[in-house]
Amino acid sequence: MTLSIFKQAPNWESVIFVAGLGTQPEGRIRREIETLQRLSLVRYHNGRYRMLPLTREYALAELQKHQDFKAQALNRWVQWYIDFAKREHNRDRLERLTIGYKNIEEEWENLVSVLHFCKDENRYEQLKELWSYLNNYTNLRGYWKDRLSWLNHLTEVSIAKGDYGTAVNTMSRQGRILLLMGQPEQLQKAEDLLRNAWSLSSHANFSDKDYVLNHLAGLYLRLENYKECHQWLDREQEVLNAQDELIDSERLRYQIYIDREHAEVLFHEKNYRLSKQMCKSVIEKSSQIDQGYGLRNANYGKKILADIAIEEKELDVAETLLNEVYREVEFHGDKRRIAYCLVSKAKLEKEKGNISQAKTYLSQASSHFQNIGMAKDVEIIKKIKTSL
């Protein structure tokens, strides 16, 4: 009956926990599972227990006859995946991006099944907690349409419940995805969400306030309104400066985000001298924080420096920087940053006269952008290709 609850074939630990058999002798449990295997009711493959669809249908019917056990098992099932996602999310940054997210990926169907169960059963607090551990993963892996759906649901429920702090968090995350997707109606919706989130920011913690401000700046960068972009970044700086309780390492992380955005705005304004200064500051500050987080942020700065080097015809410098950045983004499977890096590599190849290779990079970038729904960037690539 426990096996039938899982959408995707579970492993030993999850089955035993959800079945409530954690205090029973392991040898006895294994013997009973072996009996099920001999009867071809259960199959064991690659560390997971599988059932044929008809067997699962029968087991689910049996589960319905044992309502007390069903209720207890479902509670344990939800808790198991909350604890699992929390554990993987709370690894140190480098481990989370590699081991943790790989483990989440392997359990993804089961995690989605739990999310839907919590939504259907109005388990708001559990849904909110589980989602908080999956939010960054869904962003990095490009599950943006699913992400928008869950964030929209959480926004609606949190506002209905008067949980405005959560609403600020979820609205601002929706706004970020929409501004990256970049179609006119999406940009308008992003602006509405981010401004609404800011209007409720008195209910939010500092981290979420900072996120709203940073992405309002990102929105106006996308809209090429550089003056307003700088204004929101200045406001973000003021809010950061007012946070007396932050320790130095925390303050440094938030400062890097602000400096990163300033560097990118200055690049788009073609103020390459100041942009390079800001990028070098980002790289230097990033060396003072933990390796995984620091490398990722340093590479944001290096990517902008590479783009500037291409504009200034320092092609060897650009190539060295892009190779460093690409290794990191590919290792972490960050589809959005992989795509942007490929666009820069295409521009570099164009300057070197390798038009065929430039087109190959642009096609690869377009495929990534298409997969995650960044339609505006797909259109930009079409224009670049036409100019080759």
Protein backbone atom coordinates (compact mmCIF):
# COMPACT_ATOMS: atom_id res chain seq x y z
CA MET A 1 0.00 0.00 0.00
CA THR A 2 2.86 2.38 0.79
CA LEU A 3 4.58 1.73 -2.52
CA SER A 4 1.39 2.68 -4.36
CA ILE A 5 1.49 6.21 -2.89
CA PHE A 6 4.68 7.12 -4.75
CA LYS A 7 4.37 8.53 -8.26
CA GLN A 8 7.94 7.55 -9.08
CA ALA A 9 9.66 4.36 -7.87
CA PRO A 10 10.92 5.06 -4.32
CA ASN A 11 14.12 3.94 -2.60
CA TRP A 12 14.39 1.82 0.56
CA GLU A 13 14.66 4.68 3.06
CA SER A 14 11.59 6.53 1.81
CA VAL A 15 9.44 3.37 1.70
CA ILE A 16 10.33 2.38 5.25
CA PHE A 17 9.71 5.88 6.61
CA VAL A 18 6.37 6.37 4.87
CA ALA A 19 5.21 2.86 5.85
CA GLY A 20 5.98 3.68 9.49
CA LEU A 21 8.31 0.70 9.84
CA GLY A 22 11.39 2.57 10.98
CA THR A 23 11.49 0.79 14.35
CA GLN A 24 10.96 -2.71 12.92
CA PRO A 25 13.87 -5.15 12.40
CA GLU A 26 15.37 -4.48 8.97
CA GLY A 27 15.95 -8.17 8.27
CA ARG A 28 12.29 -9.00 8.68
CA ILE A 29 11.20 -6.15 6.39
CA ARG A 30 13.64 -7.23 3.69
CA ARG A 31 12.37 -10.80 3.86
CA GLU A 32 8.78 -9.59 3.40
CA ILE A 33 9.76 -7.41 0.43
CA GLU A 34 11.60 -10.38 -1.07
CA THR A 35 8.33 -12.32 -0.80
CA LEU A 36 6.57 -9.57 -2.77
CA GLN A 37 9.35 -9.76 -5.35
CA ARG A 38 9.01 -13.53 -5.71
CA LEU A 39 5.29 -13.04 -6.30
CA SER A 40 6.16 -10.44 -9.00
CA LEU A 41 4.18 -7.80 -7.12
CA VAL A 42 7.29 -5.66 -6.65
CA ARG A 43 10.42 -5.26 -8.76
CA TYR A 44 13.77 -3.97 -7.52
CA HIS A 45 15.97 -2.10 -9.98
CA ASN A 46 18.78 0.43 -9.50
CA GLY A 47 18.00 0.86 -5.82
CA ARG A 48 14.28 1.51 -6.31
CA TYR A 49 11.09 -0.48 -5.88
CA ARG A 50 8.70 -0.58 -8.82
CA MET A 51 5.17 -1.85 -9.37
CA LEU A 52 3.31 -2.67 -12.55
CA PRO A 53 0.35 -0.31 -13.19
CA LEU A 54 -2.25 -3.02 -12.48
CA THR A 55 -0.52 -3.98 -9.23
CA ARG A 56 -0.43 -0.34 -8.18
CA GLU A 57 -4.11 0.05 -8.99
CA TYR A 58 -4.91 -2.94 -6.78
CA ALA A 59 -2.73 -1.62 -3.94
CA LEU A 60 -4.39 1.80 -4.14
CA ALA A 61 -7.79 0.10 -3.84
CA GLU A 62 -6.55 -1.67 -0.72
CA LEU A 63 -5.25 1.62 0.64
CA GLN A 64 -8.76 3.05 0.38
CA LYS A 65 -10.00 0.29 2.71
CA HIS A 66 -7.55 1.33 5.44
CA GLN A 67 -8.27 5.01 5.98
CA ASP A 68 -6.35 5.38 9.24
CA PHE A 69 -3.21 3.91 7.74
CA LYS A 70 -3.71 5.96 4.56
CA ALA A 71 -3.93 9.24 6.51
CA GLN A 72 -0.82 8.42 8.56
CA ALA A 73 1.13 7.26 5.51
CA LEU A 74 0.26 10.37 3.52
CA ASN A 75 1.36 12.59 6.40
CA ARG A 76 4.67 10.74 6.58
CA TRP A 77 5.01 10.90 2.77
CA VAL A 78 4.67 14.69 2.76
CA GLN A 79 7.05 15.06 5.69
CA TRP A 80 9.63 12.76 4.11
CA TYR A 81 9.87 14.93 1.00
CA ILE A 82 9.90 18.19 2.96
CA ASP A 83 12.81 16.85 5.02
CA PHE A 84 14.52 15.50 1.90
CA ALA A 85 14.24 18.79 -0.02
CA LYS A 86 15.35 20.79 3.03
CA ARG A 87 18.42 18.61 3.49
CA GLU A 88 19.49 18.95 -0.14
CA HIS A 89 18.77 22.69 -0.22
CA ASN A 90 20.72 23.32 3.00
CA ARG A 91 23.97 21.82 1.74
CA ASP A 92 26.77 24.35 1.30
CA ARG A 93 26.42 26.19 -1.99
CA LEU A 94 28.88 24.14 -4.06
CA GLU A 95 27.42 20.82 -2.83
CA ARG A 96 23.87 22.07 -3.32
CA LEU A 97 24.50 23.01 -6.94
CA THR A 98 26.02 19.60 -7.66
CA ILE A 99 25.04 16.78 -5.30
CA GLY A 100 21.91 18.38 -3.84
CA TYR A 101 20.30 19.36 -7.12
CA LYS A 102 21.22 16.00 -8.68
CA ASN A 103 19.38 14.25 -5.84
CA ILE A 104 16.38 16.55 -6.27
CA GLU A 105 16.36 15.84 -9.99
CA GLU A 106 16.21 12.10 -9.32
CA GLU A 107 13.18 12.56 -7.05
CA TRP A 108 11.49 15.26 -9.13
CA GLU A 109 8.32 13.34 -10.06
CA ASN A 110 7.71 12.43 -6.42
CA LEU A 111 8.32 16.01 -5.30
CA VAL A 112 5.84 17.38 -7.86
CA SER A 113 3.32 14.78 -6.73
CA VAL A 114 3.66 16.02 -3.14
CA LEU A 115 3.28 19.64 -4.27
CA HIS A 116 0.02 18.80 -6.05
CA PHE A 117 -1.24 16.84 -3.04
CA CYS A 118 -0.55 19.77 -0.70
CA LYS A 119 -2.28 22.15 -3.10
CA ASP A 120 -5.35 19.92 -3.51
CA GLU A 121 -5.60 19.25 0.23
CA ASN A 122 -5.13 22.94 1.18
CA ARG A 123 -1.93 22.21 3.08
CA TYR A 124 -0.67 25.75 2.60
CA GLU A 125 2.10 25.80 5.20
CA GLN A 126 3.57 22.51 3.98
CA LEU A 127 3.29 23.58 0.35
CA LYS A 128 5.00 26.88 1.15
CA GLU A 129 7.82 25.17 3.02
CA LEU A 130 8.45 22.51 0.38
CA TRP A 131 8.40 25.11 -2.41
CA SER A 132 10.93 27.27 -0.58
CA TYR A 133 13.46 24.45 -0.90
CA LEU A 134 12.69 23.88 -4.61
CA ASN A 135 12.46 27.47 -5.81
CA ASN A 136 16.14 27.95 -6.70
CA TYR A 137 16.37 24.51 -8.31
CA THR A 138 13.44 25.21 -10.63
CA ASN A 139 15.01 28.51 -11.61
CA LEU A 140 18.42 27.05 -12.40
CA ARG A 141 17.06 24.08 -14.33
CA GLY A 142 14.74 26.24 -16.41
CA TYR A 143 11.38 24.87 -15.17
CA TRP A 144 9.99 28.36 -15.58
CA LYS A 145 6.43 27.61 -16.67
CA ASP A 146 5.94 25.24 -13.74
CA ARG A 147 7.59 27.79 -11.49
CA LEU A 148 5.22 30.54 -12.60
CA SER A 149 2.24 28.28 -11.91
CA TRP A 150 3.29 27.42 -8.35
CA LEU A 151 4.33 30.97 -7.53
CA ASN A 152 1.02 32.31 -8.83
CA HIS A 153 -0.91 29.83 -6.68
CA LEU A 154 1.12 30.69 -3.58
CA THR A 155 0.62 34.41 -4.26
CA GLU A 156 -3.16 34.03 -4.47
CA VAL A 157 -3.40 31.93 -1.31
CA SER A 158 -0.96 34.06 0.69
CA ILE A 159 -2.87 37.26 -0.10
CA ALA A 160 -6.18 35.59 0.76
CA LYS A 161 -4.69 34.54 4.10
CA GLY A 162 -3.15 37.95 4.79
CA ASP A 163 0.35 36.43 4.65
CA TYR A 164 1.79 39.45 2.87
CA GLY A 165 5.42 38.62 3.62
CA THR A 166 5.07 35.45 1.56
CA ALA A 167 3.22 37.39 -1.16
CA VAL A 168 6.17 39.77 -1.53
CA ASN A 169 8.47 36.78 -1.95
CA THR A 170 6.33 34.97 -4.52
CA MET A 171 5.31 38.04 -6.53
CA SER A 172 8.90 39.20 -6.88
CA ARG A 173 9.99 35.73 -8.07
CA GLN A 174 7.20 35.74 -10.65
CA GLY A 175 8.28 39.19 -11.73
CA ARG A 176 11.84 38.01 -12.29
CA ILE A 177 10.81 35.14 -14.57
CA LEU A 178 8.47 37.36 -16.59
CA LEU A 179 11.04 40.11 -17.08
CA LEU A 180 13.51 37.51 -18.35
CA MET A 181 10.93 36.05 -20.73
CA GLY A 182 10.68 39.56 -22.07
CA GLN A 183 7.58 39.78 -24.25
CA PRO A 184 5.77 43.17 -23.94
CA GLU A 185 2.81 41.74 -22.02
CA GLN A 186 5.16 39.79 -19.78
CA LEU A 187 7.23 42.88 -19.05
CA GLN A 188 4.05 44.77 -18.14
CA LYS A 189 2.96 41.96 -15.82
CA ALA A 190 6.46 41.87 -14.31
CA GLU A 191 6.30 45.60 -13.59
CA ASP A 192 2.87 45.25 -11.96
CA LEU A 193 4.03 42.35 -9.79
CA LEU A 194 7.29 43.96 -8.71
CA ARG A 195 5.68 47.30 -7.89
CA ASN A 196 2.89 45.55 -5.99
CA ALA A 197 5.50 43.57 -4.10
CA TRP A 198 7.32 46.79 -3.22
CA SER A 199 4.06 48.36 -2.00
CA LEU A 200 3.76 45.45 0.48
CA SER A 201 7.45 45.43 1.42
CA SER A 202 6.80 46.70 4.95
CA HIS A 203 5.61 43.12 5.65
CA ALA A 204 8.77 41.55 4.20
CA ASN A 205 12.17 40.73 5.61
CA PHE A 206 15.25 42.58 4.38
CA SER A 207 16.30 39.81 1.96
CA ASP A 208 12.98 39.95 0.10
CA LYS A 209 13.00 43.76 0.06
CA ASP A 210 16.45 43.67 -1.49
CA TYR A 211 15.29 41.10 -4.06
CA VAL A 212 12.36 43.31 -5.14
CA LEU A 213 14.58 46.37 -5.56
CA ASN A 214 17.27 44.46 -7.41
CA HIS A 215 14.76 43.06 -9.87
CA LEU A 216 12.98 46.36 -10.38
CA ALA A 217 16.39 47.56 -11.52
CA GLY A 218 16.69 44.45 -13.69
CA LEU A 219 13.29 45.15 -15.23
CA TYR A 220 14.22 48.68 -16.29
CA LEU A 221 17.54 47.40 -17.64
CA ARG A 222 15.51 45.01 -19.81
CA LEU A 223 13.34 47.97 -20.87
CA GLU A 224 16.52 49.99 -21.63
CA ASN A 225 15.43 52.68 -19.16
CA TYR A 226 18.89 53.05 -17.66
CA LYS A 227 18.13 56.16 -15.63
CA GLU A 228 15.35 54.44 -13.69
CA CYS A 229 17.49 51.35 -13.36
CA HIS A 230 20.20 53.36 -11.58
CA GLN A 231 17.55 54.95 -9.35
CA TRP A 232 16.30 51.58 -8.12
CA LEU A 233 19.85 50.39 -7.54
CA ASP A 234 20.55 53.54 -5.52
CA ARG A 235 17.45 52.83 -3.46
CA GLU A 236 18.62 49.26 -2.95
CA GLN A 237 21.96 50.64 -1.73
CA GLU A 238 20.18 52.93 0.75
CA VAL A 239 18.16 50.03 2.17
CA LEU A 240 21.33 47.94 2.50
CA ASN A 241 23.20 50.76 4.23
CA ALA A 242 20.39 51.02 6.80
CA GLN A 243 20.74 47.36 7.86
CA ASP A 244 22.81 47.65 11.03
CA GLU A 245 22.27 44.04 12.11
CA LEU A 246 23.98 42.43 9.09
CA ILE A 247 27.35 40.81 9.69
CA ASP A 248 30.16 41.75 7.30
CA SER A 249 29.97 38.59 5.17
CA GLU A 250 26.21 39.01 4.67
CA ARG A 251 26.57 42.69 3.79
CA LEU A 252 29.26 41.82 1.27
CA ARG A 253 26.99 39.37 -0.55
CA TYR A 254 24.23 41.93 -0.96
CA GLN A 255 26.76 44.55 -2.05
CA ILE A 256 28.05 42.25 -4.78
CA TYR A 257 24.53 41.95 -6.23
CA ILE A 258 24.21 45.74 -6.41
CA ASP A 259 27.64 46.17 -7.95
CA ARG A 260 26.94 43.44 -10.51
CA GLU A 261 23.81 45.24 -11.70
CA HIS A 262 25.58 48.60 -11.84
CA ALA A 263 28.35 47.04 -13.95
CA GLU A 264 25.83 45.63 -16.42
CA VAL A 265 23.92 48.89 -16.73
CA LEU A 266 27.16 50.78 -17.35
CA PHE A 267 28.09 48.24 -20.04
CA HIS A 268 24.78 48.81 -21.84
CA GLU A 269 25.36 52.56 -21.55
CA LYS A 270 28.77 51.92 -23.24
CA ASN A 271 30.55 53.38 -20.23
CA TYR A 272 33.17 50.67 -20.47
CA ARG A 273 35.73 52.32 -18.19
CA LEU A 274 33.40 52.50 -15.18
CA SER A 275 31.86 49.12 -15.99
CA LYS A 276 35.31 47.50 -15.94
CA GLN A 277 36.07 49.14 -12.60
CA MET A 278 32.83 47.81 -11.14
CA CYS A 279 33.44 44.31 -12.55
CA LYS A 280 36.90 44.18 -11.03
CA SER A 281 35.39 45.26 -7.71
CA VAL A 282 32.84 42.41 -7.97
CA ILE A 283 35.59 39.88 -8.68
CA GLU A 284 37.72 41.15 -5.79
CA LYS A 285 34.80 41.11 -3.33
CA SER A 286 33.74 37.65 -4.52
CA SER A 287 37.15 36.27 -3.54
CA GLN A 288 36.31 37.13 0.08
CA ILE A 289 33.28 34.80 0.30
CA ASP A 290 32.84 31.02 0.09
CA GLN A 291 34.18 29.30 -3.01
CA GLY A 292 30.96 28.18 -4.72
CA TYR A 293 29.07 31.44 -4.22
CA GLY A 294 32.17 33.54 -4.88
CA LEU A 295 33.05 31.79 -8.15
CA ARG A 296 29.53 32.23 -9.49
CA ASN A 297 29.49 35.96 -8.77
CA ALA A 298 33.05 36.54 -9.97
CA ASN A 299 32.04 34.94 -13.25
CA TYR A 300 29.18 37.42 -13.66
CA GLY A 301 31.83 40.12 -13.61
CA LYS A 302 34.11 38.18 -15.96
CA LYS A 303 31.28 37.72 -18.46
CA ILE A 304 30.77 41.50 -18.66
CA LEU A 305 34.53 42.04 -18.95
CA ALA A 306 34.58 39.55 -21.82
CA ASP A 307 31.79 41.44 -23.60
CA ILE A 308 33.70 44.69 -23.15
CA ALA A 309 36.89 43.04 -24.46
CA ILE A 310 34.99 41.97 -27.59
CA GLU A 311 33.80 45.54 -28.13
CA GLU A 312 37.35 46.82 -27.67
CA LYS A 313 38.80 44.13 -30.01
CA GLU A 314 40.84 42.46 -27.24
CA LEU A 315 39.84 39.05 -28.53
CA ASP A 316 42.41 36.92 -26.68
CA VAL A 317 41.32 38.47 -23.37
CA ALA A 318 37.66 37.84 -24.21
CA GLU A 319 38.31 34.22 -25.15
CA THR A 320 40.15 33.45 -21.92
CA LEU A 321 37.41 35.01 -19.81
CA LEU A 322 34.57 33.30 -21.68
CA ASN A 323 36.22 29.90 -21.37
CA GLU A 324 36.42 30.38 -17.59
CA VAL A 325 32.79 31.46 -17.35
CA TYR A 326 31.47 28.74 -19.64
CA ARG A 327 33.10 25.97 -17.60
CA GLU A 328 31.24 27.14 -14.49
CA VAL A 329 27.80 27.65 -16.05
CA GLU A 330 27.96 24.34 -17.91
CA PHE A 331 29.04 22.50 -14.74
CA HIS A 332 26.05 23.88 -12.84
CA GLY A 333 23.57 23.32 -15.69
CA ASP A 334 22.41 26.96 -15.58
CA LYS A 335 20.50 27.11 -18.88
CA ARG A 336 19.97 30.87 -18.94
CA ARG A 337 23.61 31.72 -18.28
CA ILE A 338 24.79 29.03 -20.69
CA ALA A 339 22.70 30.68 -23.40
CA TYR A 340 24.02 34.17 -22.69
CA CYS A 341 27.57 32.84 -22.68
CA LEU A 342 27.00 31.18 -26.05
CA VAL A 343 25.79 34.50 -27.48
CA SER A 344 29.01 36.15 -26.31
CA LYS A 345 31.07 33.31 -27.78
CA ALA A 346 29.21 33.84 -31.07
CA LYS A 347 30.08 37.54 -31.06
CA LEU A 348 33.70 36.64 -30.42
CA GLU A 349 33.78 34.17 -33.31
CA LYS A 350 32.21 36.80 -35.56
CA GLU A 351 35.02 39.22 -34.72
CA LYS A 352 37.55 36.47 -35.50
CA GLY A 353 35.91 35.87 -38.85
CA ASN A 354 34.53 32.42 -38.00
CA ILE A 355 30.97 33.01 -39.18
CA SER A 356 30.03 29.32 -39.33
CA GLN A 357 31.06 28.75 -35.70
CA ALA A 358 29.26 31.95 -34.66
CA LYS A 359 26.05 30.66 -36.22
CA THR A 360 26.45 27.32 -34.43
CA TYR A 361 26.78 29.06 -31.05
CA LEU A 362 23.77 31.25 -31.80
CA SER A 363 21.65 28.21 -32.72
CA GLN A 364 22.62 26.51 -29.46
CA ALA A 365 21.81 29.66 -27.48
CA SER A 366 18.48 30.04 -29.24
CA SER A 367 17.56 26.46 -28.34
CA HIS A 368 18.25 27.12 -24.65
CA PHE A 369 16.31 30.38 -24.69
CA GLN A 370 13.42 28.67 -26.47
CA ASN A 371 13.32 25.84 -23.93
CA ILE A 372 12.96 28.17 -20.95
CA GLY A 373 10.62 30.62 -22.66
CA MET A 374 12.88 33.65 -23.20
CA ALA A 375 11.14 34.72 -26.41
CA LYS A 376 12.68 38.20 -26.52
CA ASP A 377 16.19 36.75 -26.57
CA VAL A 378 15.19 34.31 -29.31
CA GLU A 379 14.15 37.32 -31.40
CA ILE A 380 17.43 39.12 -30.61
CA ILE A 381 19.39 36.10 -31.84
CA LYS A 382 17.43 36.05 -35.10
CA LYS A 383 18.47 39.66 -35.71
CA ILE A 384 22.11 38.84 -34.92
CA LYS A 385 22.05 35.92 -37.34
CA THR A 386 20.60 38.13 -40.06
CA SER A 387 23.49 40.55 -39.62
CA LEU A 388 26.17 37.86 -40.04
